[in-house]
Protein backbone atom coordinates (compact mmCIF):
# COMPACT_ATOMS: atom_id res chain seq x y z
CA MET A 1 -0.05 -0.06 0.24
CA GLU A 2 3.05 2.58 0.96
CA LYS A 3 3.98 1.69 -2.40
CA LEU A 4 0.55 2.60 -4.11
CA ARG A 5 1.09 6.03 -2.44
CA ARG A 6 4.03 6.78 -3.00
CA GLU A 7 3.29 6.37 -6.95
CA MET A 8 0.56 8.06 -6.60
CA THR A 9 1.95 10.91 -5.36
CA ALA A 10 4.53 10.85 -7.90
CA PHE A 11 1.89 10.80 -10.46
CA PHE A 12 -0.27 13.95 -9.02
CA GLN A 13 2.93 16.38 -8.54
CA LYS A 14 4.25 15.78 -12.05
CA LEU A 15 0.92 15.78 -13.33
CA TYR A 16 -0.48 19.04 -11.56
CA VAL A 17 2.79 21.28 -10.94
CA GLY A 18 2.45 23.73 -8.83
CA GLU A 19 -1.24 23.48 -8.09
CA GLN A 20 -0.76 22.17 -4.16
CA LYS A 21 -3.03 18.81 -4.58
CA ILE A 22 -3.54 17.38 -1.44
CA LEU A 23 -3.88 14.01 -1.90
CA VAL A 24 -6.27 11.73 0.71
CA PHE A 25 -5.26 8.21 0.71
CA GLY A 26 -7.84 5.72 2.24
CA GLU A 27 -7.54 4.03 5.55
CA GLY A 28 -8.62 1.61 7.71
CA LYS A 29 -8.18 -2.59 7.74
CA THR A 30 -6.07 -4.06 5.05
CA PRO A 31 -6.82 -6.89 4.08
CA ALA A 32 -10.96 -6.06 4.98
CA ARG A 33 -14.41 -7.69 4.09
CA VAL A 34 -15.47 -4.36 3.13
CA ALA A 35 -14.82 -1.62 1.56
CA LEU A 36 -16.59 2.04 1.34
CA ILE A 37 -15.81 4.08 -1.62
CA GLY A 38 -16.48 8.04 -1.79
CA GLU A 39 -16.64 10.30 -4.47
CA ALA A 40 -13.58 12.54 -3.27
CA PRO A 41 -12.25 14.54 -0.55
CA GLY A 42 -13.94 17.59 1.08
CA GLU A 43 -12.65 20.73 3.00
CA GLN A 44 -12.37 18.52 6.49
CA GLU A 45 -10.46 15.74 4.17
CA ALA A 46 -7.89 17.60 2.63
CA LEU A 47 -6.87 19.58 6.04
CA LEU A 48 -7.08 16.23 7.90
CA GLY A 49 -5.87 13.42 5.38
CA ARG A 50 -8.23 11.25 5.98
CA PRO A 51 -11.86 10.22 3.92
CA PHE A 52 -15.33 10.82 5.74
CA VAL A 53 -14.51 12.94 8.63
CA GLY A 54 -16.40 15.93 8.11
CA ARG A 55 -20.14 16.49 7.92
CA ALA A 56 -20.48 13.57 5.40
CA GLY A 57 -18.40 11.74 7.67
CA LYS A 58 -20.65 12.26 10.57
CA ASN A 59 -24.20 10.97 9.03
CA LEU A 60 -21.51 7.97 7.47
CA ASP A 61 -20.49 7.16 11.37
CA GLU A 62 -23.89 7.17 12.19
CA PHE A 63 -25.58 5.03 9.86
CA LEU A 64 -22.41 2.25 10.13
CA ALA A 65 -24.31 1.79 13.97
CA LEU A 66 -27.43 1.22 12.41
CA SER A 67 -25.91 -1.51 10.71
CA GLY A 68 -23.55 -2.77 13.21
CA ILE A 69 -20.53 -2.22 11.21
CA SER A 70 -17.56 -0.82 13.13
CA ARG A 71 -15.61 1.23 10.55
CA ALA A 72 -13.08 0.04 12.52
CA GLU A 73 -13.55 -3.55 10.64
CA LEU A 74 -13.21 -1.67 7.16
CA TYR A 75 -11.13 0.15 4.49
CA ILE A 76 -12.80 3.58 3.63
CA THR A 77 -11.18 5.38 0.41
CA ASN A 78 -12.72 8.03 -2.44
CA THR A 79 -13.03 7.72 -5.78
CA VAL A 80 -10.66 10.69 -6.90
CA LYS A 81 -8.14 11.04 -4.09
CA PHE A 82 -7.84 14.85 -3.92
CA ARG A 83 -10.52 17.61 -3.25
CA PRO A 84 -12.33 18.87 -6.67
CA VAL A 85 -12.49 22.85 -6.10
CA LYS A 86 -14.20 25.66 -7.74
CA THR A 87 -14.08 29.01 -7.12
CA SER A 88 -18.20 30.43 -6.23
CA ALA A 89 -19.41 33.54 -6.87
CA ALA A 90 -18.75 35.33 -3.95
CA GLY A 91 -14.73 34.23 -4.20
CA ASN A 92 -14.77 31.23 -1.79
CA THR A 93 -12.96 28.20 -2.92
CA VAL A 94 -16.15 25.12 -2.60
CA ASN A 95 -16.02 21.75 -3.70
CA ARG A 96 -17.35 20.56 -6.96
CA ALA A 97 -17.68 16.92 -8.42
CA PRO A 98 -15.25 15.13 -9.47
CA SER A 99 -14.29 15.76 -13.59
CA GLN A 100 -14.69 12.61 -15.70
CA GLU A 101 -10.93 13.33 -16.50
CA GLU A 102 -9.69 13.33 -12.43
CA ILE A 103 -12.14 10.09 -12.53
CA ARG A 104 -10.38 8.86 -15.40
CA LEU A 105 -6.98 9.40 -13.62
CA CYS A 106 -7.90 8.56 -10.59
CA LEU A 107 -9.69 4.59 -11.43
CA PRO A 108 -6.49 2.62 -11.77
CA PHE A 109 -5.00 3.72 -8.62
CA LEU A 110 -8.68 3.01 -6.94
CA LYS A 111 -8.19 -0.51 -8.60
CA ARG A 112 -4.69 -1.31 -7.36
CA GLU A 113 -5.92 -0.19 -4.18
CA LEU A 114 -8.96 -2.67 -3.69
CA ALA A 115 -6.69 -5.11 -4.95
CA LEU A 116 -4.42 -4.82 -2.29
CA VAL A 117 -7.22 -4.62 0.14
CA ASN A 118 -8.91 -7.53 -1.66
CA PRO A 119 -12.21 -6.94 -0.10
CA GLU A 120 -15.78 -9.33 -0.45
CA VAL A 121 -17.77 -6.61 -0.82
CA ILE A 122 -17.48 -3.27 -1.86
CA VAL A 123 -19.94 -0.55 -0.70
CA THR A 124 -20.30 2.37 -3.02
CA LEU A 125 -21.48 5.92 -1.79
CA GLY A 126 -23.23 7.72 -4.34
CA ASN A 127 -23.23 7.89 -8.67
CA VAL A 128 -19.44 8.91 -8.73
CA PRO A 129 -18.14 5.39 -7.72
CA LEU A 130 -20.50 3.45 -8.67
CA LYS A 131 -20.57 4.97 -12.24
CA ALA A 132 -16.40 4.41 -12.01
CA LEU A 133 -16.23 1.03 -11.26
CA LEU A 134 -19.59 -0.17 -13.61
CA GLY A 135 -18.14 2.12 -16.30
CA ARG A 136 -21.69 2.66 -17.31
CA GLN A 137 -24.24 5.39 -16.32
CA ALA A 138 -25.89 3.19 -13.68
CA ILE A 139 -27.41 5.45 -11.50
CA ILE A 140 -27.69 5.88 -7.89
CA GLY A 141 -32.03 6.13 -7.54
CA GLU A 142 -32.29 3.07 -9.27
CA VAL A 143 -30.11 0.24 -7.79
CA HIS A 144 -29.35 1.93 -3.96
CA GLY A 145 -30.11 -1.07 -2.13
CA GLN A 146 -29.17 -3.98 -4.69
CA TRP A 147 -26.53 -6.25 -4.54
CA LEU A 148 -24.65 -6.04 -7.21
CA ALA A 149 -21.58 -7.96 -9.31
CA TRP A 150 -17.95 -6.06 -10.06
CA GLU A 151 -15.02 -8.07 -10.64
CA GLY A 152 -16.06 -11.15 -8.94
CA LYS A 153 -17.06 -8.69 -6.09
CA ARG A 154 -20.13 -8.04 -4.64
CA LEU A 155 -21.20 -4.61 -5.02
CA TYR A 156 -23.47 -2.59 -3.05
CA PRO A 157 -24.50 0.57 -3.79
CA LEU A 158 -25.94 3.15 -1.48
CA TYR A 159 -26.32 7.02 -1.43
CA HIS A 160 -23.55 9.37 -0.65
CA PRO A 161 -23.87 10.16 3.50
CA ALA A 162 -23.85 13.77 1.80
CA ALA A 163 -27.22 13.38 0.12
CA VAL A 164 -28.59 12.84 3.53
CA ILE A 165 -27.75 15.93 4.42
CA TYR A 166 -29.17 18.01 1.54
CA ASN A 167 -32.19 15.76 0.98
CA ARG A 168 -33.66 14.54 3.99
CA ALA A 169 -36.40 12.70 2.00
CA LEU A 170 -33.28 10.35 1.20
CA ARG A 171 -32.70 9.27 5.08
CA PRO A 172 -35.80 6.75 5.27
CA ALA A 173 -34.55 4.63 2.19
CA TYR A 174 -30.63 5.30 3.35
CA GLU A 175 -31.53 3.85 6.89
CA ASP A 176 -33.38 1.09 4.95
CA ASP A 177 -30.24 0.47 2.68
CA VAL A 178 -27.91 0.10 5.67
CA ARG A 179 -30.03 -2.21 7.40
CA ARG A 180 -30.26 -4.55 4.65
CA LEU A 181 -26.07 -4.03 4.31
CA GLY A 182 -25.49 -5.24 8.55
CA GLU A 183 -27.79 -8.02 8.32
CA ALA A 184 -26.38 -9.61 4.78
CA LEU A 185 -22.88 -9.56 6.43
CA ARG A 186 -23.80 -10.73 9.49
CA ASP A 187 -25.70 -13.53 7.48
CA LYS A 188 -22.63 -14.29 5.79
CA ALA A 189 -19.98 -14.37 8.24
């Protein structure tokens, strides 16, 4: 894993000369039974150098508690390894969705990372990791909470924890999906 991190650092430093891209690497158990994949780091993640430590991370921790899954048992990472930003109308630096180019550049590293973690189950959080792995126009609203297959692994798509912050109507479906994930993992333990 350390070799992969060094390679990612060198690649992105060379690609984005002078842009100060702060890479946020995955963390957790390796190997792990379950790997969670988000979209990209946000502001707090970039500041602290850890995935899912901001508001979405707090939501994720709450939902993991519902499922009976401990964060210590998981490996957590993102599709894109640095914070995608734009300048708002007010002149502030704010998050934006990763571009297709950023996803394309990061995907080979994500696949290598997953090979090292060797999870039995991959949980995608939102559309970005779902589409990145499946390579097709899957829509989270149509496949959340369903078991899919990806390269011999079981894939379980969930809404992104941040989606529940911005759209409270998603919360019941998210809670149900997370509970069913926990039940499936316990049944197969």
